[in-house]
């Protein structure tokens, strides 16, 4: 009875399955997955991070692919599901990953980031509390900017209405056209633009590290050390300098888990923390 099912196609499939069982793909041969957060268009498009993935592949001898969800809610889901080997993102995500999954911080960009609150200056109070119930531009619902803005309004029933935009330019245009009451945007990206007439910077947050690269405990220790050393020494080699130039970073600084401690607390109000 079984003989009638032994067609050439079925035999080929059976042979392929048996071959996979006999020679499974070793973990050390699988491609590394580098998770990167969505960033404003003018800051660092995801496509420009491919040289970083290629450099990591050179350091490790393993292919490295980039995964970048389209927005911050989708990114938060990706962070929580922990289906990646490396991540390059902001301090609050880095600290969450360290606390929750045992990741190790390897390196960070040398620059810092802060956010500034711009309000329409029409003679009213410059106290941020006047923005309760008003429309305020931000770059992403779980971006560090939005989370720090939320920290200014701890009462969940007395908060601004957040309007997400893709770039600082879009946010400033909305403020200029009076479609929103205020904008909470990266200070550095505001600095080289003309602030819309009738608007003023009300406050600026303390600077924090901008981006860090962290590694999963699933990776072998020697592989993690290879990546860390390669990043920290990148500016001393031609391939490293080419990578840094391509992604717009001068160099990588050493990073420790301790310096990101408590940054993740701003995520506590979000589902799945």
C-alpha atoms as a PDB file:
ATOM      1  CA  UNK A   1       0.000   0.000   0.000  1.00  0.00           C
ATOM      2  CA  UNK A   2       2.821   2.455   0.819  1.00  0.00           C
ATOM      3  CA  UNK A   3       4.514   1.944  -2.520  1.00  0.00           C
ATOM      4  CA  UNK A   4       1.901   3.985  -4.384  1.00  0.00           C
ATOM      5  CA  UNK A   5       2.989   7.164  -2.485  1.00  0.00           C
ATOM      6  CA  UNK A   6       6.681   6.894  -3.313  1.00  0.00           C
ATOM      7  CA  UNK A   7       6.644   9.355  -6.167  1.00  0.00           C
ATOM      8  CA  UNK A   8       9.937  11.007  -7.228  1.00  0.00           C
ATOM      9  CA  UNK A   9       8.789  14.333  -5.747  1.00  0.00           C
ATOM     10  CA  UNK A  10       7.933  12.798  -2.347  1.00  0.00           C
ATOM     11  CA  UNK A  11      11.211  10.897  -2.310  1.00  0.00           C
ATOM     12  CA  UNK A  12      13.109  14.141  -2.985  1.00  0.00           C
ATOM     13  CA  UNK A  13      11.332  15.944  -0.128  1.00  0.00           C
ATOM     14  CA  UNK A  14      12.003  13.032   2.226  1.00  0.00           C
ATOM     15  CA  UNK A  15      15.670  13.019   1.255  1.00  0.00           C
ATOM     16  CA  UNK A  16      15.922  16.802   1.910  1.00  0.00           C
ATOM     17  CA  UNK A  17      14.277  16.497   5.355  1.00  0.00           C
ATOM     18  CA  UNK A  18      16.531  13.621   6.327  1.00  0.00           C
ATOM     19  CA  UNK A  19      19.557  15.644   5.237  1.00  0.00           C
ATOM     20  CA  UNK A  20      18.509  18.556   7.469  1.00  0.00           C
ATOM     21  CA  UNK A  21      18.068  16.230  10.416  1.00  0.00           C
ATOM     22  CA  UNK A  22      21.450  14.668   9.806  1.00  0.00           C
ATOM     23  CA  UNK A  23      23.206  18.034   9.353  1.00  0.00           C
ATOM     24  CA  UNK A  24      21.317  20.751  11.300  1.00  0.00           C
ATOM     25  CA  UNK A  25      22.398  24.384  10.923  1.00  0.00           C
ATOM     26  CA  UNK A  26      24.732  25.100  13.814  1.00  0.00           C
ATOM     27  CA  UNK A  27      23.953  28.168  15.930  1.00  0.00           C
ATOM     28  CA  UNK A  28      27.407  29.532  15.235  1.00  0.00           C
ATOM     29  CA  UNK A  29      26.684  29.425  11.476  1.00  0.00           C
ATOM     30  CA  UNK A  30      23.319  31.222  11.630  1.00  0.00           C
ATOM     31  CA  UNK A  31      23.042  34.856  10.616  1.00  0.00           C
ATOM     32  CA  UNK A  32      23.197  37.431  13.405  1.00  0.00           C
ATOM     33  CA  UNK A  33      20.167  39.707  13.714  1.00  0.00           C
ATOM     34  CA  UNK A  34      20.860  43.361  14.521  1.00  0.00           C
ATOM     35  CA  UNK A  35      17.752  45.160  15.800  1.00  0.00           C
ATOM     36  CA  UNK A  36      17.762  48.919  15.185  1.00  0.00           C
ATOM     37  CA  UNK A  37      15.181  51.462  16.279  1.00  0.00           C
ATOM     38  CA  UNK A  38      13.341  53.718  13.847  1.00  0.00           C
ATOM     39  CA  UNK A  39      15.037  57.114  13.787  1.00  0.00           C
ATOM     40  CA  UNK A  40      14.079  60.498  12.348  1.00  0.00           C
ATOM     41  CA  UNK A  41      14.848  60.729   8.637  1.00  0.00           C
ATOM     42  CA  UNK A  42      17.503  63.389   9.093  1.00  0.00           C
ATOM     43  CA  UNK A  43      19.218  61.614  11.986  1.00  0.00           C
ATOM     44  CA  UNK A  44      20.194  58.155  10.719  1.00  0.00           C
ATOM     45  CA  UNK A  45      18.038  56.261   8.200  1.00  0.00           C
ATOM     46  CA  UNK A  46      18.003  52.500   8.777  1.00  0.00           C
ATOM     47  CA  UNK A  47      19.547  51.875   5.361  1.00  0.00           C
ATOM     48  CA  UNK A  48      22.675  53.782   6.396  1.00  0.00           C
ATOM     49  CA  UNK A  49      23.335  51.263   9.186  1.00  0.00           C
ATOM     50  CA  UNK A  50      24.059  48.467   6.714  1.00  0.00           C
ATOM     51  CA  UNK A  51      27.824  49.242   6.873  1.00  0.00           C
ATOM     52  CA  UNK A  52      27.663  48.563  10.624  1.00  0.00           C
ATOM     53  CA  UNK A  53      26.054  45.166   9.991  1.00  0.00           C
ATOM     54  CA  UNK A  54      28.654  44.417   7.308  1.00  0.00           C
ATOM     55  CA  UNK A  55      31.465  45.373   9.675  1.00  0.00           C
ATOM     56  CA  UNK A  56      30.077  43.091  12.399  1.00  0.00           C
ATOM     57  CA  UNK A  57      29.928  40.299   9.832  1.00  0.00           C
ATOM     58  CA  UNK A  58      33.599  40.885   9.039  1.00  0.00           C
ATOM     59  CA  UNK A  59      34.513  40.792  12.727  1.00  0.00           C
ATOM     60  CA  UNK A  60      32.609  37.595  13.461  1.00  0.00           C
ATOM     61  CA  UNK A  61      32.683  35.663  10.209  1.00  0.00           C
ATOM     62  CA  UNK A  62      28.876  35.415  10.355  1.00  0.00           C
ATOM     63  CA  UNK A  63      26.351  37.162   8.153  1.00  0.00           C
ATOM     64  CA  UNK A  64      24.559  40.018   9.960  1.00  0.00           C
ATOM     65  CA  UNK A  65      21.085  41.184   8.951  1.00  0.00           C
ATOM     66  CA  UNK A  66      19.282  44.332  10.083  1.00  0.00           C
ATOM     67  CA  UNK A  67      15.739  44.352  11.471  1.00  0.00           C
ATOM     68  CA  UNK A  68      14.075  47.771  11.789  1.00  0.00           C
ATOM     69  CA  UNK A  69      10.344  47.876  12.625  1.00  0.00           C
ATOM     70  CA  UNK A  70       8.478  50.740  10.933  1.00  0.00           C
ATOM     71  CA  UNK A  71       7.472  52.670  14.073  1.00  0.00           C
ATOM     72  CA  UNK A  72       8.012  52.798  17.823  1.00  0.00           C
ATOM     73  CA  UNK A  73       4.983  50.711  18.902  1.00  0.00           C
ATOM     74  CA  UNK A  74       6.168  47.938  16.560  1.00  0.00           C
ATOM     75  CA  UNK A  75       9.714  48.429  17.831  1.00  0.00           C
ATOM     76  CA  UNK A  76       8.582  48.018  21.440  1.00  0.00           C
ATOM     77  CA  UNK A  77       6.970  44.710  20.494  1.00  0.00           C
ATOM     78  CA  UNK A  78      10.194  43.567  18.799  1.00  0.00           C
ATOM     79  CA  UNK A  79      12.245  44.549  21.870  1.00  0.00           C
ATOM     80  CA  UNK A  80       9.941  42.589  24.171  1.00  0.00           C
ATOM     81  CA  UNK A  81       9.933  39.422  22.047  1.00  0.00           C
ATOM     82  CA  UNK A  82      13.761  39.187  22.144  1.00  0.00           C
ATOM     83  CA  UNK A  83      14.270  37.496  18.766  1.00  0.00           C
ATOM     84  CA  UNK A  84      17.557  39.180  17.935  1.00  0.00           C
ATOM     85  CA  UNK A  85      21.236  38.886  18.797  1.00  0.00           C
ATOM     86  CA  UNK A  86      22.353  42.523  18.846  1.00  0.00           C
ATOM     87  CA  UNK A  87      20.562  45.839  19.264  1.00  0.00           C
ATOM     88  CA  UNK A  88      21.545  49.419  18.485  1.00  0.00           C
ATOM     89  CA  UNK A  89      19.164  51.856  20.141  1.00  0.00           C
ATOM     90  CA  UNK A  90      18.453  54.409  22.861  1.00  0.00           C
ATOM     91  CA  UNK A  91      19.368  54.073  26.572  1.00  0.00           C
ATOM     92  CA  UNK A  92      15.858  53.227  27.829  1.00  0.00           C
ATOM     93  CA  UNK A  93      15.619  50.222  25.497  1.00  0.00           C
ATOM     94  CA  UNK A  94      19.196  49.198  26.318  1.00  0.00           C
ATOM     95  CA  UNK A  95      18.519  49.238  30.057  1.00  0.00           C
ATOM     96  CA  UNK A  96      15.247  47.333  29.647  1.00  0.00           C
ATOM     97  CA  UNK A  97      17.072  44.644  27.668  1.00  0.00           C
ATOM     98  CA  UNK A  98      19.857  44.426  30.254  1.00  0.00           C
ATOM     99  CA  UNK A  99      17.354  44.054  33.097  1.00  0.00           C
ATOM    100  CA  UNK A 100      14.910  41.746  31.362  1.00  0.00           C
ATOM    101  CA  UNK A 101      17.069  39.521  29.151  1.00  0.00           C
ATOM    102  CA  UNK A 102      20.605  39.822  30.506  1.00  0.00           C
ATOM    103  CA  UNK A 103      22.074  41.680  27.526  1.00  0.00           C
ATOM    104  CA  UNK A 104      25.534  43.252  27.736  1.00  0.00           C
ATOM    105  CA  UNK A 105      26.263  46.833  26.675  1.00  0.00           C
ATOM    106  CA  UNK A 106      29.264  46.786  24.320  1.00  0.00           C
ATOM    107  CA  UNK A 107      29.729  50.293  22.951  1.00  0.00           C
ATOM    108  CA  UNK A 108      27.972  53.628  22.581  1.00  0.00           C
ATOM    109  CA  UNK A 109      28.121  56.627  20.302  1.00  0.00           C
ATOM    110  CA  UNK A 110      30.214  59.455  21.795  1.00  0.00           C
ATOM    111  CA  UNK A 111      27.498  62.068  21.398  1.00  0.00           C
ATOM    112  CA  UNK A 112      24.567  62.744  23.681  1.00  0.00           C
ATOM    113  CA  UNK A 113      21.005  63.776  23.002  1.00  0.00           C
ATOM    114  CA  UNK A 114      18.572  66.138  24.684  1.00  0.00           C
ATOM    115  CA  UNK A 115      15.087  67.334  23.819  1.00  0.00           C
ATOM    116  CA  UNK A 116      13.642  70.825  23.723  1.00  0.00           C
ATOM    117  CA  UNK A 117      10.064  71.943  24.172  1.00  0.00           C
ATOM    118  CA  UNK A 118       8.969  74.649  21.743  1.00  0.00           C
ATOM    119  CA  UNK A 119       5.703  76.468  22.420  1.00  0.00           C
ATOM    120  CA  UNK A 120       3.781  79.080  20.539  1.00  0.00           C
ATOM    121  CA  UNK A 121       4.731  82.370  22.183  1.00  0.00           C
ATOM    122  CA  UNK A 122       1.474  84.315  22.071  1.00  0.00           C
ATOM    123  CA  UNK A 123       1.662  86.050  25.409  1.00  0.00           C
ATOM    124  CA  UNK A 124       0.272  83.179  27.453  1.00  0.00           C
ATOM    125  CA  UNK A 125       2.031  81.461  30.324  1.00  0.00           C
ATOM    126  CA  UNK A 126       5.142  79.529  29.424  1.00  0.00           C
ATOM    127  CA  UNK A 127       4.389  76.890  32.023  1.00  0.00           C
ATOM    128  CA  UNK A 128       4.234  73.475  30.246  1.00  0.00           C
ATOM    129  CA  UNK A 129       1.075  72.605  32.214  1.00  0.00           C
ATOM    130  CA  UNK A 130      -0.926  74.849  29.869  1.00  0.00           C
ATOM    131  CA  UNK A 131      -0.415  72.105  27.254  1.00  0.00           C
ATOM    132  CA  UNK A 132      -2.754  69.674  29.020  1.00  0.00           C
ATOM    133  CA  UNK A 133      -5.295  68.551  26.431  1.00  0.00           C
ATOM    134  CA  UNK A 134      -3.451  70.430  23.645  1.00  0.00           C
ATOM    135  CA  UNK A 135      -1.760  68.943  20.567  1.00  0.00           C
ATOM    136  CA  UNK A 136       2.023  68.474  20.884  1.00  0.00           C
ATOM    137  CA  UNK A 137       4.313  67.088  18.190  1.00  0.00           C
ATOM    138  CA  UNK A 138       6.685  64.213  19.012  1.00  0.00           C
ATOM    139  CA  UNK A 139       8.787  61.744  17.029  1.00  0.00           C
ATOM    140  CA  UNK A 140       7.475  58.401  18.296  1.00  0.00           C
ATOM    141  CA  UNK A 141       5.210  56.962  20.963  1.00  0.00           C
ATOM    142  CA  UNK A 142       7.953  55.053  22.811  1.00  0.00           C
ATOM    143  CA  UNK A 143      10.864  57.218  21.686  1.00  0.00           C
ATOM    144  CA  UNK A 144      12.938  58.705  24.482  1.00  0.00           C
ATOM    145  CA  UNK A 145      11.594  62.143  23.579  1.00  0.00           C
ATOM    146  CA  UNK A 146       7.972  61.147  24.057  1.00  0.00           C
ATOM    147  CA  UNK A 147       8.730  59.285  27.272  1.00  0.00           C
ATOM    148  CA  UNK A 148      10.519  62.290  28.719  1.00  0.00           C
ATOM    149  CA  UNK A 149       7.643  64.513  27.673  1.00  0.00           C
ATOM    150  CA  UNK A 150       5.225  62.168  29.457  1.00  0.00           C
ATOM    151  CA  UNK A 151       7.381  62.457  32.579  1.00  0.00           C
ATOM    152  CA  UNK A 152       6.500  66.168  32.673  1.00  0.00           C
ATOM    153  CA  UNK A 153       2.837  65.171  32.982  1.00  0.00           C
ATOM    154  CA  UNK A 154       2.715  62.322  35.538  1.00  0.00           C
ATOM    155  CA  UNK A 155      -1.070  62.485  35.900  1.00  0.00           C
ATOM    156  CA  UNK A 156      -2.427  60.206  33.121  1.00  0.00           C
ATOM    157  CA  UNK A 157      -5.674  62.216  33.068  1.00  0.00           C
ATOM    158  CA  UNK A 158      -3.881  65.516  32.506  1.00  0.00           C
ATOM    159  CA  UNK A 159      -1.586  65.106  29.532  1.00  0.00           C
ATOM    160  CA  UNK A 160      -1.128  66.645  26.090  1.00  0.00           C
ATOM    161  CA  UNK A 161      -2.511  65.004  22.967  1.00  0.00           C
ATOM    162  CA  UNK A 162       0.539  63.589  21.182  1.00  0.00           C
ATOM    163  CA  UNK A 163       0.905  63.943  17.425  1.00  0.00           C
ATOM    164  CA  UNK A 164       3.561  61.689  15.892  1.00  0.00           C
ATOM    165  CA  UNK A 165       5.669  62.944  12.978  1.00  0.00           C
ATOM    166  CA  UNK A 166       8.528  61.399  10.989  1.00  0.00           C
ATOM    167  CA  UNK A 167      11.052  64.230  11.268  1.00  0.00           C
ATOM    168  CA  UNK A 168      11.954  67.464  13.032  1.00  0.00           C
ATOM    169  CA  UNK A 169      11.171  69.371   9.847  1.00  0.00           C
ATOM    170  CA  UNK A 170       7.626  67.991   9.782  1.00  0.00           C
ATOM    171  CA  UNK A 171       7.170  68.937  13.439  1.00  0.00           C
ATOM    172  CA  UNK A 172       8.388  72.486  12.981  1.00  0.00           C
ATOM    173  CA  UNK A 173       6.169  72.921   9.928  1.00  0.00           C
ATOM    174  CA  UNK A 174       3.126  71.894  11.940  1.00  0.00           C
ATOM    175  CA  UNK A 175       4.079  74.367  14.671  1.00  0.00           C
ATOM    176  CA  UNK A 176       4.652  77.117  12.078  1.00  0.00           C
ATOM    177  CA  UNK A 177       1.232  76.457  10.526  1.00  0.00           C
ATOM    178  CA  UNK A 178      -0.358  76.493  14.012  1.00  0.00           C
ATOM    179  CA  UNK A 179      -1.637  72.938  13.659  1.00  0.00           C
ATOM    180  CA  UNK A 180      -0.201  72.142  17.102  1.00  0.00           C
ATOM    181  CA  UNK A 181       0.450  74.109  20.275  1.00  0.00           C
ATOM    182  CA  UNK A 182       3.991  72.843  20.871  1.00  0.00           C
ATOM    183  CA  UNK A 183       6.719  70.497  19.695  1.00  0.00           C
ATOM    184  CA  UNK A 184       9.074  68.294  21.728  1.00  0.00           C
ATOM    185  CA  UNK A 185      12.032  67.548  19.444  1.00  0.00           C
ATOM    186  CA  UNK A 186      15.759  66.682  19.549  1.00  0.00           C
ATOM    187  CA  UNK A 187      17.710  69.802  20.503  1.00  0.00           C
ATOM    188  CA  UNK A 188      20.502  69.111  18.000  1.00  0.00           C
ATOM    189  CA  UNK A 189      18.098  68.814  15.076  1.00  0.00           C
ATOM    190  CA  UNK A 190      16.404  72.071  16.043  1.00  0.00           C
ATOM    191  CA  UNK A 191      19.687  73.943  16.374  1.00  0.00           C
ATOM    192  CA  UNK A 192      20.426  74.223  12.675  1.00  0.00           C
ATOM    193  CA  UNK A 193      16.901  75.252  11.703  1.00  0.00           C
ATOM    194  CA  UNK A 194      15.004  78.499  11.946  1.00  0.00           C
ATOM    195  CA  UNK A 195      12.546  78.327  14.832  1.00  0.00           C
ATOM    196  CA  UNK A 196       9.073  79.258  13.592  1.00  0.00           C
ATOM    197  CA  UNK A 197       8.180  82.900  14.217  1.00  0.00           C
ATOM    198  CA  UNK A 198       6.046  83.313  17.306  1.00  0.00           C
ATOM    199  CA  UNK A 199       7.564  80.269  19.015  1.00  0.00           C
ATOM    200  CA  UNK A 200      10.091  79.930  21.825  1.00  0.00           C
ATOM    201  CA  UNK A 201      12.105  77.188  23.513  1.00  0.00           C
ATOM    202  CA  UNK A 202      10.588  76.714  26.985  1.00  0.00           C
ATOM    203  CA  UNK A 203      12.851  74.006  28.379  1.00  0.00           C
ATOM    204  CA  UNK A 204      15.606  71.594  27.416  1.00  0.00           C
ATOM    205  CA  UNK A 205      16.190  68.205  29.069  1.00  0.00           C
ATOM    206  CA  UNK A 206      19.456  66.955  30.509  1.00  0.00           C
ATOM    207  CA  UNK A 207      21.630  65.215  27.872  1.00  0.00           C
ATOM    208  CA  UNK A 208      21.874  61.417  27.883  1.00  0.00           C
ATOM    209  CA  UNK A 209      23.809  58.919  25.693  1.00  0.00           C
ATOM    210  CA  UNK A 210      22.240  58.769  22.252  1.00  0.00           C
ATOM    211  CA  UNK A 211      22.674  55.195  21.022  1.00  0.00           C
ATOM    212  CA  UNK A 212      24.299  52.025  22.351  1.00  0.00           C
ATOM    213  CA  UNK A 213      24.979  48.567  20.976  1.00  0.00           C
ATOM    214  CA  UNK A 214      24.174  45.610  23.231  1.00  0.00           C
ATOM    215  CA  UNK A 215      24.566  41.840  22.808  1.00  0.00           C
ATOM    216  CA  UNK A 216      22.424  38.880  23.798  1.00  0.00           C
ATOM    217  CA  UNK A 217      23.682  36.344  26.365  1.00  0.00           C
ATOM    218  CA  UNK A 218      22.887  33.711  23.733  1.00  0.00           C
ATOM    219  CA  UNK A 219      26.064  34.742  21.915  1.00  0.00           C
ATOM    220  CA  UNK A 220      29.344  33.117  22.883  1.00  0.00           C
ATOM    221  CA  UNK A 221      31.559  35.234  25.130  1.00  0.00           C
ATOM    222  CA  UNK A 222      34.451  35.243  22.667  1.00  0.00           C
ATOM    223  CA  UNK A 223      32.107  36.456  19.909  1.00  0.00           C
ATOM    224  CA  UNK A 224      30.847  39.288  22.126  1.00  0.00           C
ATOM    225  CA  UNK A 225      34.440  40.253  22.908  1.00  0.00           C
ATOM    226  CA  UNK A 226      35.310  40.257  19.192  1.00  0.00           C
ATOM    227  CA  UNK A 227      32.460  42.662  18.437  1.00  0.00           C
ATOM    228  CA  UNK A 228      33.275  44.940  21.379  1.00  0.00           C
ATOM    229  CA  UNK A 229      36.986  45.113  20.531  1.00  0.00           C
ATOM    230  CA  UNK A 230      36.290  45.644  16.842  1.00  0.00           C
ATOM    231  CA  UNK A 231      33.948  48.554  17.539  1.00  0.00           C
ATOM    232  CA  UNK A 232      36.232  50.265  20.043  1.00  0.00           C
ATOM    233  CA  UNK A 233      39.218  49.926  17.706  1.00  0.00           C
ATOM    234  CA  UNK A 234      37.300  50.799  14.539  1.00  0.00           C
ATOM    235  CA  UNK A 235      38.898  54.207  14.117  1.00  0.00           C
ATOM    236  CA  UNK A 236      42.369  52.607  14.012  1.00  0.00           C
ATOM    237  CA  UNK A 237      41.749  50.453  10.918  1.00  0.00           C
ATOM    238  CA  UNK A 238      40.788  51.238   7.335  1.00  0.00           C
ATOM    239  CA  UNK A 239      37.658  49.006   7.328  1.00  0.00           C
ATOM    240  CA  UNK A 240      36.626  50.473  10.675  1.00  0.00           C
ATOM    241  CA  UNK A 241      37.093  54.056   9.530  1.00  0.00           C
ATOM    242  CA  UNK A 242      35.104  53.326   6.368  1.00  0.00           C
ATOM    243  CA  UNK A 243      32.246  51.967   8.485  1.00  0.00           C
ATOM    244  CA  UNK A 244      32.262  54.927  10.865  1.00  0.00           C
ATOM    245  CA  UNK A 245      32.282  57.395   7.996  1.00  0.00           C
ATOM    246  CA  UNK A 246      29.402  55.584   6.297  1.00  0.00           C
ATOM    247  CA  UNK A 247      27.121  55.650   9.354  1.00  0.00           C
ATOM    248  CA  UNK A 248      28.092  59.179  10.412  1.00  0.00           C
ATOM    249  CA  UNK A 249      29.801  58.401  13.729  1.00  0.00           C
ATOM    250  CA  UNK A 250      33.287  59.594  14.723  1.00  0.00           C
ATOM    251  CA  UNK A 251      34.047  56.584  16.905  1.00  0.00           C
ATOM    252  CA  UNK A 252      32.544  54.187  19.432  1.00  0.00           C
ATOM    253  CA  UNK A 253      33.088  54.647  23.165  1.00  0.00           C
ATOM    254  CA  UNK A 254      33.239  51.836  25.714  1.00  0.00           C
ATOM    255  CA  UNK A 255      29.944  51.184  27.497  1.00  0.00           C
ATOM    256  CA  UNK A 256      28.984  49.384  30.704  1.00  0.00           C
ATOM    257  CA  UNK A 257      25.639  48.091  31.916  1.00  0.00           C
ATOM    258  CA  UNK A 258      25.800  50.326  34.982  1.00  0.00           C
ATOM    259  CA  UNK A 259      25.710  53.605  33.073  1.00  0.00           C
ATOM    260  CA  UNK A 260      22.278  52.727  31.637  1.00  0.00           C
ATOM    261  CA  UNK A 261      20.776  51.810  35.003  1.00  0.00           C
ATOM    262  CA  UNK A 262      17.273  53.221  35.631  1.00  0.00           C
ATOM    263  CA  UNK A 263      16.849  54.617  32.109  1.00  0.00           C
ATOM    264  CA  UNK A 264      14.169  52.000  31.414  1.00  0.00           C
ATOM    265  CA  UNK A 265      11.895  53.285  34.182  1.00  0.00           C
ATOM    266  CA  UNK A 266      10.312  55.704  31.696  1.00  0.00           C
ATOM    267  CA  UNK A 267       8.816  52.619  29.995  1.00  0.00           C
ATOM    268  CA  UNK A 268       6.917  51.493  33.091  1.00  0.00           C
ATOM    269  CA  UNK A 269       3.633  52.930  31.921  1.00  0.00           C
ATOM    270  CA  UNK A 270       3.699  50.917  28.699  1.00  0.00           C
ATOM    271  CA  UNK A 271       2.061  47.537  28.236  1.00  0.00           C
ATOM    272  CA  UNK A 272       4.397  44.587  28.680  1.00  0.00           C
ATOM    273  CA  UNK A 273       7.122  46.368  30.687  1.00  0.00           C
END
